[in-house]
Amino acid sequence: MQDFRRLAAKNGAAIQDSGPCQFCGAPVEGGAEACLRLLDELSERTRAEKSYAQAHLFSVDAHALQHPELHGRLNNPVHLLSLCLMLERGSSAAAGSRKPAVEKFLALGRQWPPLEAPPAGYRGILTAKSVLEASAAERALVAREWAEEVWQVWQPHHPWTRRMLDRLAHD
């Protein structure tokens, strides 16, 4: 993983080391660093929980869009494309799956627009902690609900996302 503190500073954010996550509001002690550890823990669950593994990309994209200061703001378009593919166009959310449209988009290089994030603290109520606190039987469902909520928060960028996916599908 990149040095998230350096990336946050580059994006104009100073990392808070205590209290809840300053970006998504997750009630963790240890701020954004603790929130990143939650995502790592979810990634580990893909090995042990087959049902969650089928929904893991919901968590990856939702977390990235709630924390663009940590994951890189230039990645926002990729994560929005991925959510749109999964939520609106039926693509797989399974860990390790690759979506051809996202691959095509990535092949364009870093020439996509920087899509501005909603303000920190207004990027959805569900978080990685919500998914981890769910029972194993409910974890995949909560991951999808988290992704749906984050997708809705980014609603101003839906038209761009849909147009780009249509373009990629025809190229």
N, C-alpha and C. Protein backbone atom coordinates (compact mmCIF):
# COMPACT_ATOMS: atom_id res chain seq x y z
N MET A 1 0.85 -1.19 0.00
CA MET A 1 0.00 0.00 0.00
C MET A 1 0.89 1.24 0.00
N GLN A 2 0.46 2.23 -0.72
CA GLN A 2 1.19 3.49 -0.74
C GLN A 2 1.22 4.08 0.66
N ASP A 3 2.15 4.98 0.86
CA ASP A 3 2.19 5.70 2.12
C ASP A 3 0.98 6.62 2.16
N PHE A 4 -0.05 6.19 2.90
CA PHE A 4 -1.31 6.93 2.88
C PHE A 4 -1.17 8.32 3.49
N ARG A 5 -0.24 8.51 4.41
CA ARG A 5 -0.05 9.85 4.98
C ARG A 5 0.48 10.82 3.93
N ARG A 6 1.42 10.36 3.13
CA ARG A 6 1.99 11.20 2.08
C ARG A 6 0.91 11.53 1.04
N LEU A 7 0.13 10.52 0.66
CA LEU A 7 -0.93 10.74 -0.31
C LEU A 7 -2.00 11.69 0.25
N ALA A 8 -2.35 11.53 1.51
CA ALA A 8 -3.32 12.42 2.14
C ALA A 8 -2.80 13.86 2.14
N ALA A 9 -1.53 14.04 2.49
CA ALA A 9 -0.94 15.38 2.51
C ALA A 9 -0.97 15.99 1.10
N LYS A 10 -0.66 15.17 0.10
CA LYS A 10 -0.70 15.63 -1.29
C LYS A 10 -2.11 16.07 -1.67
N ASN A 11 -3.11 15.42 -1.07
CA ASN A 11 -4.51 15.76 -1.33
C ASN A 11 -5.07 16.79 -0.36
N GLY A 12 -4.18 17.42 0.41
CA GLY A 12 -4.60 18.50 1.29
C GLY A 12 -5.24 18.07 2.59
N ALA A 13 -5.02 16.82 3.01
CA ALA A 13 -5.62 16.32 4.25
C ALA A 13 -4.53 15.89 5.23
N ALA A 14 -4.65 16.34 6.45
CA ALA A 14 -3.77 15.89 7.53
C ALA A 14 -4.49 14.76 8.26
N ILE A 15 -3.81 13.66 8.44
CA ILE A 15 -4.42 12.49 9.06
C ILE A 15 -4.56 12.69 10.56
N GLN A 16 -5.75 12.41 11.08
CA GLN A 16 -6.00 12.43 12.51
C GLN A 16 -5.76 11.02 13.05
N ASP A 17 -4.98 10.92 14.11
CA ASP A 17 -4.57 9.62 14.64
C ASP A 17 -5.47 9.09 15.74
N SER A 18 -6.47 9.84 16.12
CA SER A 18 -7.36 9.37 17.18
C SER A 18 -8.80 9.68 16.81
N GLY A 19 -9.69 9.02 17.53
CA GLY A 19 -11.12 9.25 17.30
C GLY A 19 -11.61 8.53 16.07
N PRO A 20 -12.83 8.87 15.65
CA PRO A 20 -13.42 8.22 14.48
C PRO A 20 -12.67 8.59 13.20
N CYS A 21 -12.91 7.83 12.16
CA CYS A 21 -12.30 8.14 10.86
C CYS A 21 -12.81 9.49 10.39
N GLN A 22 -11.91 10.36 10.04
CA GLN A 22 -12.27 11.71 9.64
C GLN A 22 -12.93 11.77 8.27
N PHE A 23 -12.84 10.69 7.51
CA PHE A 23 -13.39 10.71 6.16
C PHE A 23 -14.78 10.07 6.07
N CYS A 24 -14.94 8.91 6.71
CA CYS A 24 -16.24 8.22 6.62
C CYS A 24 -17.03 8.28 7.92
N GLY A 25 -16.36 8.66 9.01
CA GLY A 25 -17.04 8.75 10.30
C GLY A 25 -17.14 7.43 11.05
N ALA A 26 -16.49 6.38 10.56
CA ALA A 26 -16.55 5.09 11.25
C ALA A 26 -16.13 5.26 12.71
N PRO A 27 -16.90 4.70 13.62
CA PRO A 27 -16.58 4.84 15.05
C PRO A 27 -15.44 3.90 15.45
N VAL A 28 -14.24 4.27 15.06
CA VAL A 28 -13.04 3.50 15.40
C VAL A 28 -12.13 4.39 16.24
N GLU A 29 -11.30 3.80 17.03
CA GLU A 29 -10.28 4.57 17.75
C GLU A 29 -9.00 4.42 16.96
N GLY A 30 -8.47 5.50 16.51
CA GLY A 30 -7.25 5.45 15.71
C GLY A 30 -7.41 6.11 14.35
N GLY A 31 -8.54 6.76 14.15
CA GLY A 31 -8.75 7.56 12.94
C GLY A 31 -8.67 6.79 11.64
N ALA A 32 -8.20 7.48 10.62
CA ALA A 32 -8.18 6.92 9.27
C ALA A 32 -7.29 5.69 9.16
N GLU A 33 -6.22 5.64 9.91
CA GLU A 33 -5.34 4.47 9.86
C GLU A 33 -6.09 3.22 10.33
N ALA A 34 -6.87 3.37 11.39
CA ALA A 34 -7.68 2.25 11.88
C ALA A 34 -8.71 1.84 10.84
N CYS A 35 -9.25 2.81 10.12
CA CYS A 35 -10.23 2.52 9.08
C CYS A 35 -9.60 1.74 7.93
N LEU A 36 -8.37 2.08 7.58
CA LEU A 36 -7.66 1.32 6.55
C LEU A 36 -7.42 -0.12 7.00
N ARG A 37 -7.14 -0.31 8.28
CA ARG A 37 -6.96 -1.67 8.80
C ARG A 37 -8.25 -2.48 8.70
N LEU A 38 -9.40 -1.81 8.83
CA LEU A 38 -10.69 -2.51 8.66
C LEU A 38 -10.83 -3.05 7.24
N LEU A 39 -10.41 -2.26 6.26
CA LEU A 39 -10.46 -2.74 4.88
C LEU A 39 -9.53 -3.93 4.69
N ASP A 40 -8.36 -3.88 5.31
CA ASP A 40 -7.45 -5.03 5.25
C ASP A 40 -8.10 -6.27 5.86
N GLU A 41 -8.79 -6.08 6.98
CA GLU A 41 -9.47 -7.20 7.62
C GLU A 41 -10.57 -7.77 6.72
N LEU A 42 -11.28 -6.91 6.04
CA LEU A 42 -12.30 -7.38 5.10
C LEU A 42 -11.65 -8.18 3.96
N SER A 43 -10.51 -7.74 3.50
CA SER A 43 -9.81 -8.47 2.44
C SER A 43 -9.43 -9.87 2.93
N GLU A 44 -9.04 -9.98 4.17
CA GLU A 44 -8.71 -11.28 4.75
C GLU A 44 -9.94 -12.19 4.80
N ARG A 45 -11.11 -11.62 5.00
CA ARG A 45 -12.34 -12.41 5.08
C ARG A 45 -12.65 -13.13 3.76
N THR A 46 -12.10 -12.65 2.65
CA THR A 46 -12.39 -13.28 1.37
C THR A 46 -11.86 -14.72 1.32
N ARG A 47 -10.83 -15.01 2.11
CA ARG A 47 -10.29 -16.37 2.14
C ARG A 47 -11.17 -17.32 2.93
N ALA A 48 -11.76 -16.82 4.00
CA ALA A 48 -12.51 -17.67 4.92
C ALA A 48 -14.02 -17.70 4.64
N GLU A 49 -14.53 -16.66 4.01
CA GLU A 49 -15.98 -16.54 3.82
C GLU A 49 -16.31 -16.44 2.34
N LYS A 50 -16.69 -17.57 1.77
CA LYS A 50 -16.97 -17.62 0.34
C LYS A 50 -18.09 -16.65 -0.07
N SER A 51 -19.13 -16.55 0.75
CA SER A 51 -20.24 -15.67 0.38
C SER A 51 -19.78 -14.20 0.38
N TYR A 52 -18.94 -13.82 1.34
CA TYR A 52 -18.43 -12.44 1.32
C TYR A 52 -17.46 -12.24 0.16
N ALA A 53 -16.65 -13.22 -0.15
CA ALA A 53 -15.70 -13.10 -1.26
C ALA A 53 -16.42 -12.73 -2.56
N GLN A 54 -17.67 -13.18 -2.71
CA GLN A 54 -18.45 -12.88 -3.91
C GLN A 54 -18.92 -11.42 -3.95
N ALA A 55 -18.78 -10.71 -2.83
CA ALA A 55 -19.23 -9.32 -2.73
C ALA A 55 -18.11 -8.35 -2.36
N HIS A 56 -16.88 -8.85 -2.31
CA HIS A 56 -15.78 -8.04 -1.78
C HIS A 56 -15.53 -6.74 -2.55
N LEU A 57 -15.69 -6.74 -3.86
CA LEU A 57 -15.40 -5.51 -4.60
C LEU A 57 -16.35 -4.37 -4.24
N PHE A 58 -17.54 -4.70 -3.73
CA PHE A 58 -18.41 -3.64 -3.21
C PHE A 58 -17.67 -2.87 -2.12
N SER A 59 -17.01 -3.61 -1.23
CA SER A 59 -16.29 -2.98 -0.12
C SER A 59 -15.09 -2.19 -0.60
N VAL A 60 -14.35 -2.74 -1.54
CA VAL A 60 -13.16 -2.06 -2.06
C VAL A 60 -13.55 -0.71 -2.67
N ASP A 61 -14.56 -0.72 -3.53
CA ASP A 61 -14.97 0.52 -4.20
C ASP A 61 -15.61 1.51 -3.23
N ALA A 62 -16.46 1.01 -2.33
CA ALA A 62 -17.11 1.91 -1.36
C ALA A 62 -16.06 2.56 -0.46
N HIS A 63 -15.11 1.79 0.01
CA HIS A 63 -14.07 2.35 0.88
C HIS A 63 -13.25 3.40 0.14
N ALA A 64 -12.86 3.09 -1.08
CA ALA A 64 -12.06 4.05 -1.86
C ALA A 64 -12.81 5.35 -2.08
N LEU A 65 -14.11 5.26 -2.35
CA LEU A 65 -14.89 6.48 -2.60
C LEU A 65 -15.23 7.24 -1.33
N GLN A 66 -15.17 6.57 -0.18
CA GLN A 66 -15.34 7.29 1.08
C GLN A 66 -14.03 7.91 1.55
N HIS A 67 -12.91 7.44 0.99
CA HIS A 67 -11.58 7.87 1.43
C HIS A 67 -10.69 8.25 0.25
N PRO A 68 -11.15 9.08 -0.68
CA PRO A 68 -10.31 9.38 -1.84
C PRO A 68 -9.00 10.07 -1.47
N GLU A 69 -8.98 10.73 -0.33
CA GLU A 69 -7.73 11.36 0.11
C GLU A 69 -6.66 10.32 0.41
N LEU A 70 -7.08 9.11 0.74
CA LEU A 70 -6.14 8.03 1.08
C LEU A 70 -5.86 7.10 -0.09
N HIS A 71 -6.83 6.94 -0.97
CA HIS A 71 -6.69 6.01 -2.09
C HIS A 71 -6.27 6.72 -3.37
N GLY A 72 -6.37 8.03 -3.38
CA GLY A 72 -6.01 8.81 -4.56
C GLY A 72 -7.24 9.30 -5.29
N ARG A 73 -7.38 10.60 -5.39
CA ARG A 73 -8.56 11.18 -6.03
C ARG A 73 -8.67 10.83 -7.51
N LEU A 74 -7.56 10.57 -8.15
CA LEU A 74 -7.61 10.20 -9.56
C LEU A 74 -8.20 8.81 -9.76
N ASN A 75 -8.37 8.07 -8.68
CA ASN A 75 -8.99 6.75 -8.76
C ASN A 75 -10.51 6.81 -8.66
N ASN A 76 -11.07 7.96 -8.31
CA ASN A 76 -12.53 8.07 -8.17
C ASN A 76 -13.27 7.58 -9.42
N PRO A 77 -12.86 7.98 -10.63
CA PRO A 77 -13.59 7.50 -11.81
C PRO A 77 -13.60 5.97 -11.92
N VAL A 78 -12.48 5.34 -11.63
CA VAL A 78 -12.40 3.88 -11.74
C VAL A 78 -13.37 3.21 -10.77
N HIS A 79 -13.40 3.69 -9.54
CA HIS A 79 -14.28 3.09 -8.54
C HIS A 79 -15.75 3.37 -8.85
N LEU A 80 -16.05 4.54 -9.41
CA LEU A 80 -17.43 4.82 -9.82
C LEU A 80 -17.85 3.93 -10.99
N LEU A 81 -16.96 3.75 -11.96
CA LEU A 81 -17.27 2.85 -13.06
C LEU A 81 -17.54 1.44 -12.55
N SER A 82 -16.71 1.00 -11.63
CA SER A 82 -16.86 -0.34 -11.08
C SER A 82 -18.19 -0.49 -10.35
N LEU A 83 -18.54 0.49 -9.51
CA LEU A 83 -19.83 0.40 -8.81
C LEU A 83 -21.00 0.40 -9.78
N CYS A 84 -20.93 1.24 -10.79
CA CYS A 84 -22.02 1.29 -11.76
C CYS A 84 -22.15 -0.05 -12.48
N LEU A 85 -21.02 -0.64 -12.86
CA LEU A 85 -21.06 -1.95 -13.52
C LEU A 85 -21.72 -3.00 -12.63
N MET A 86 -21.39 -2.98 -11.36
CA MET A 86 -21.92 -4.00 -10.46
C MET A 86 -23.37 -3.72 -10.08
N LEU A 87 -23.67 -2.48 -9.72
CA LEU A 87 -25.00 -2.15 -9.19
C LEU A 87 -26.06 -1.98 -10.27
N GLU A 88 -25.68 -1.43 -11.41
CA GLU A 88 -26.67 -1.14 -12.45
C GLU A 88 -26.60 -2.08 -13.65
N ARG A 89 -25.45 -2.70 -13.85
CA ARG A 89 -25.30 -3.50 -15.06
C ARG A 89 -25.00 -4.97 -14.79
N GLY A 90 -25.06 -5.36 -13.51
CA GLY A 90 -25.01 -6.78 -13.16
C GLY A 90 -23.66 -7.46 -13.19
N SER A 91 -22.56 -6.71 -13.21
CA SER A 91 -21.24 -7.35 -13.19
C SER A 91 -20.96 -7.97 -11.83
N SER A 92 -20.03 -8.87 -11.81
CA SER A 92 -19.66 -9.57 -10.58
C SER A 92 -18.93 -8.65 -9.61
N ALA A 93 -19.18 -8.86 -8.32
CA ALA A 93 -18.48 -8.14 -7.26
C ALA A 93 -17.49 -9.06 -6.56
N ALA A 94 -17.22 -10.22 -7.16
CA ALA A 94 -16.35 -11.21 -6.53
C ALA A 94 -14.90 -10.74 -6.48
N ALA A 95 -14.25 -11.06 -5.38
CA ALA A 95 -12.83 -10.76 -5.24
C ALA A 95 -12.08 -11.40 -6.39
N GLY A 96 -11.18 -10.63 -7.00
CA GLY A 96 -10.38 -11.16 -8.09
C GLY A 96 -11.01 -11.07 -9.46
N SER A 97 -12.28 -10.67 -9.55
CA SER A 97 -12.89 -10.56 -10.88
C SER A 97 -12.44 -9.25 -11.52
N ARG A 98 -12.29 -9.28 -12.82
CA ARG A 98 -11.92 -8.08 -13.55
C ARG A 98 -13.00 -7.77 -14.55
N LYS A 99 -13.34 -6.51 -14.66
CA LYS A 99 -14.39 -6.09 -15.55
C LYS A 99 -13.78 -5.53 -16.83
N PRO A 100 -14.14 -6.04 -17.99
CA PRO A 100 -13.54 -5.56 -19.24
C PRO A 100 -13.65 -4.05 -19.44
N ALA A 101 -14.77 -3.45 -19.09
CA ALA A 101 -14.92 -1.99 -19.29
C ALA A 101 -13.94 -1.22 -18.40
N VAL A 102 -13.73 -1.69 -17.18
CA VAL A 102 -12.77 -1.02 -16.29
C VAL A 102 -11.37 -1.20 -16.84
N GLU A 103 -11.06 -2.39 -17.35
CA GLU A 103 -9.75 -2.63 -17.97
C GLU A 103 -9.52 -1.68 -19.14
N LYS A 104 -10.54 -1.51 -19.99
CA LYS A 104 -10.42 -0.59 -21.12
C LYS A 104 -10.18 0.83 -20.63
N PHE A 105 -10.91 1.21 -19.60
CA PHE A 105 -10.77 2.55 -19.05
C PHE A 105 -9.36 2.77 -18.50
N LEU A 106 -8.86 1.79 -17.77
CA LEU A 106 -7.51 1.90 -17.22
C LEU A 106 -6.47 1.99 -18.33
N ALA A 107 -6.72 1.33 -19.44
CA ALA A 107 -5.79 1.36 -20.56
C ALA A 107 -5.69 2.76 -21.18
N LEU A 108 -6.67 3.61 -20.93
CA LEU A 108 -6.62 4.98 -21.45
C LEU A 108 -5.52 5.79 -20.78
N GLY A 109 -5.00 5.29 -19.68
CA GLY A 109 -4.00 6.03 -18.93
C GLY A 109 -4.65 6.99 -17.97
N ARG A 110 -3.90 7.86 -17.42
CA ARG A 110 -4.40 8.80 -16.42
C ARG A 110 -4.96 10.06 -17.06
N GLN A 111 -5.78 9.88 -18.09
CA GLN A 111 -6.35 11.02 -18.78
C GLN A 111 -7.83 11.19 -18.49
N TRP A 112 -8.28 10.65 -17.36
CA TRP A 112 -9.68 10.80 -17.03
C TRP A 112 -9.86 11.99 -16.11
N PRO A 113 -11.06 12.50 -16.01
CA PRO A 113 -11.28 13.72 -15.22
C PRO A 113 -11.21 13.44 -13.72
N PRO A 114 -10.71 14.39 -12.95
CA PRO A 114 -10.76 14.24 -11.49
C PRO A 114 -12.18 14.56 -11.03
N LEU A 115 -12.87 13.56 -10.52
CA LEU A 115 -14.25 13.75 -10.06
C LEU A 115 -14.22 14.11 -8.59
N GLU A 116 -14.74 15.28 -8.28
CA GLU A 116 -14.68 15.79 -6.91
C GLU A 116 -15.59 14.99 -5.98
N ALA A 117 -15.03 14.65 -4.84
CA ALA A 117 -15.75 13.87 -3.83
C ALA A 117 -16.72 14.74 -3.03
N PRO A 118 -17.77 14.13 -2.51
CA PRO A 118 -18.60 14.84 -1.54
C PRO A 118 -17.72 15.19 -0.32
N PRO A 119 -18.13 16.14 0.49
CA PRO A 119 -17.31 16.50 1.65
C PRO A 119 -17.13 15.31 2.61
N ALA A 120 -15.96 15.27 3.23
CA ALA A 120 -15.71 14.24 4.25
C ALA A 120 -16.81 14.29 5.29
N GLY A 121 -17.24 13.13 5.73
CA GLY A 121 -18.32 13.04 6.71
C GLY A 121 -19.70 12.97 6.07
N TYR A 122 -19.77 13.21 4.75
CA TYR A 122 -21.05 13.15 4.02
C TYR A 122 -20.95 12.16 2.86
N ARG A 123 -20.28 11.05 3.11
CA ARG A 123 -20.03 10.06 2.06
C ARG A 123 -20.73 8.75 2.36
N GLY A 124 -21.78 8.82 3.16
CA GLY A 124 -22.54 7.63 3.52
C GLY A 124 -22.38 7.29 4.99
N ILE A 125 -23.36 6.59 5.52
CA ILE A 125 -23.36 6.22 6.95
C ILE A 125 -22.71 4.87 7.16
N LEU A 126 -22.95 3.93 6.25
CA LEU A 126 -22.34 2.61 6.38
C LEU A 126 -20.85 2.72 6.10
N THR A 127 -20.07 1.85 6.73
CA THR A 127 -18.61 1.88 6.62
C THR A 127 -18.07 0.45 6.63
N ALA A 128 -16.76 0.33 6.51
CA ALA A 128 -16.12 -0.99 6.63
C ALA A 128 -16.46 -1.62 7.97
N LYS A 129 -16.55 -0.82 9.00
CA LYS A 129 -16.91 -1.33 10.32
C LYS A 129 -18.31 -1.96 10.30
N SER A 130 -19.23 -1.37 9.58
CA SER A 130 -20.58 -1.92 9.45
C SER A 130 -20.54 -3.32 8.86
N VAL A 131 -19.72 -3.51 7.84
CA VAL A 131 -19.62 -4.81 7.18
C VAL A 131 -18.98 -5.82 8.13
N LEU A 132 -17.93 -5.41 8.83
CA LEU A 132 -17.27 -6.33 9.75
C LEU A 132 -18.16 -6.70 10.93
N GLU A 133 -19.00 -5.80 11.37
CA GLU A 133 -19.88 -6.08 12.51
C GLU A 133 -21.08 -6.96 12.12
N ALA A 134 -21.35 -7.09 10.84
CA ALA A 134 -22.44 -7.95 10.40
C ALA A 134 -22.05 -9.42 10.61
N SER A 135 -23.04 -10.26 10.76
CA SER A 135 -22.76 -11.70 10.87
C SER A 135 -22.20 -12.18 9.54
N ALA A 136 -21.50 -13.29 9.56
CA ALA A 136 -20.94 -13.85 8.33
C ALA A 136 -22.03 -14.06 7.29
N ALA A 137 -23.21 -14.47 7.74
CA ALA A 137 -24.32 -14.72 6.81
C ALA A 137 -24.84 -13.43 6.17
N GLU A 138 -24.68 -12.29 6.85
CA GLU A 138 -25.19 -11.01 6.37
C GLU A 138 -24.11 -10.12 5.74
N ARG A 139 -22.85 -10.49 5.86
CA ARG A 139 -21.75 -9.61 5.45
C ARG A 139 -21.84 -9.19 3.98
N ALA A 140 -22.14 -10.12 3.09
CA ALA A 140 -22.23 -9.77 1.66
C ALA A 140 -23.36 -8.78 1.41
N LEU A 141 -24.48 -8.97 2.07
CA LEU A 141 -25.62 -8.06 1.92
C LEU A 141 -25.27 -6.66 2.42
N VAL A 142 -24.62 -6.57 3.55
CA VAL A 142 -24.24 -5.26 4.10
C VAL A 142 -23.20 -4.59 3.19
N ALA A 143 -22.28 -5.37 2.62
CA ALA A 143 -21.30 -4.80 1.69
C ALA A 143 -22.01 -4.19 0.49
N ARG A 144 -23.02 -4.89 -0.03
CA ARG A 144 -23.77 -4.35 -1.16
C ARG A 144 -24.53 -3.08 -0.75
N GLU A 145 -25.16 -3.09 0.42
CA GLU A 145 -25.88 -1.91 0.89
C GLU A 145 -24.93 -0.73 1.05
N TRP A 146 -23.74 -0.99 1.55
CA TRP A 146 -22.72 0.07 1.68
C TRP A 146 -22.40 0.64 0.30
N ALA A 147 -22.16 -0.23 -0.66
CA ALA A 147 -21.84 0.22 -2.01
C ALA A 147 -22.99 1.03 -2.61
N GLU A 148 -24.22 0.57 -2.41
CA GLU A 148 -25.39 1.30 -2.93
C GLU A 148 -25.48 2.69 -2.30
N GLU A 149 -25.23 2.77 -1.01
CA GLU A 149 -25.29 4.06 -0.32
C GLU A 149 -24.21 5.01 -0.85
N VAL A 150 -22.99 4.52 -0.98
CA VAL A 150 -21.90 5.36 -1.48
C VAL A 150 -22.18 5.77 -2.93
N TRP A 151 -22.68 4.85 -3.74
CA TRP A 151 -23.04 5.18 -5.12
C TRP A 151 -24.03 6.34 -5.14
N GLN A 152 -25.03 6.32 -4.27
CA GLN A 152 -26.02 7.39 -4.24
C GLN A 152 -25.41 8.73 -3.80
N VAL A 153 -24.49 8.69 -2.89
CA VAL A 153 -23.83 9.92 -2.43
C VAL A 153 -23.06 10.59 -3.58
N TRP A 154 -22.55 9.78 -4.49
CA TRP A 154 -21.80 10.30 -5.63
C TRP A 154 -22.71 10.58 -6.83
N GLN A 155 -23.99 10.75 -6.61
CA GLN A 155 -24.99 10.93 -7.66
C GLN A 155 -24.65 12.01 -8.68
N PRO A 156 -24.04 13.12 -8.31
CA PRO A 156 -23.73 14.13 -9.33
C PRO A 156 -22.84 13.62 -10.47
N HIS A 157 -22.11 12.53 -10.22
CA HIS A 157 -21.20 11.99 -11.24
C HIS A 157 -21.80 10.78 -11.99
N HIS A 158 -23.04 10.42 -11.69
CA HIS A 158 -23.66 9.29 -12.38
C HIS A 158 -23.76 9.49 -13.89
N PRO A 159 -24.18 10.68 -14.38
CA PRO A 159 -24.27 10.84 -15.84
C PRO A 159 -22.92 10.60 -16.54
N TRP A 160 -21.84 11.16 -15.99
CA TRP A 160 -20.52 10.94 -16.58
C TRP A 160 -20.18 9.44 -16.58
N THR A 161 -20.44 8.78 -15.46
CA THR A 161 -20.09 7.37 -15.32
C THR A 161 -20.84 6.52 -16.35
N ARG A 162 -22.12 6.75 -16.48
CA ARG A 162 -22.92 5.98 -17.44
C ARG A 162 -22.50 6.25 -18.88
N ARG A 163 -22.22 7.51 -19.20
CA ARG A 163 -21.76 7.85 -20.56
C ARG A 163 -20.43 7.15 -20.86
N MET A 164 -19.52 7.16 -19.89
CA MET A 164 -18.22 6.53 -20.10
C MET A 164 -18.37 5.02 -20.30
N LEU A 165 -19.22 4.38 -19.51
CA LEU A 165 -19.43 2.95 -19.68
C LEU A 165 -20.04 2.64 -21.05
N ASP A 166 -20.98 3.47 -21.49
CA ASP A 166 -21.57 3.27 -22.82
C ASP A 166 -20.50 3.42 -23.91
N ARG A 167 -19.67 4.41 -23.75
CA ARG A 167 -18.58 4.64 -24.72
C ARG A 167 -17.62 3.46 -24.75
N LEU A 168 -17.25 2.98 -23.59
CA LEU A 168 -16.31 1.86 -23.51
C LEU A 168 -16.91 0.58 -24.08
N ALA A 169 -18.22 0.43 -23.93
CA ALA A 169 -18.89 -0.76 -24.45
C ALA A 169 -18.91 -0.77 -25.97
N HIS A 170 -18.83 0.42 -26.58
CA HIS A 170 -18.91 0.50 -28.05
C HIS A 170 -17.55 0.66 -28.71
N ASP A 171 -16.51 0.90 -27.95
CA ASP A 171 -15.15 1.05 -28.52
C ASP A 171 -14.56 -0.31 -28.82
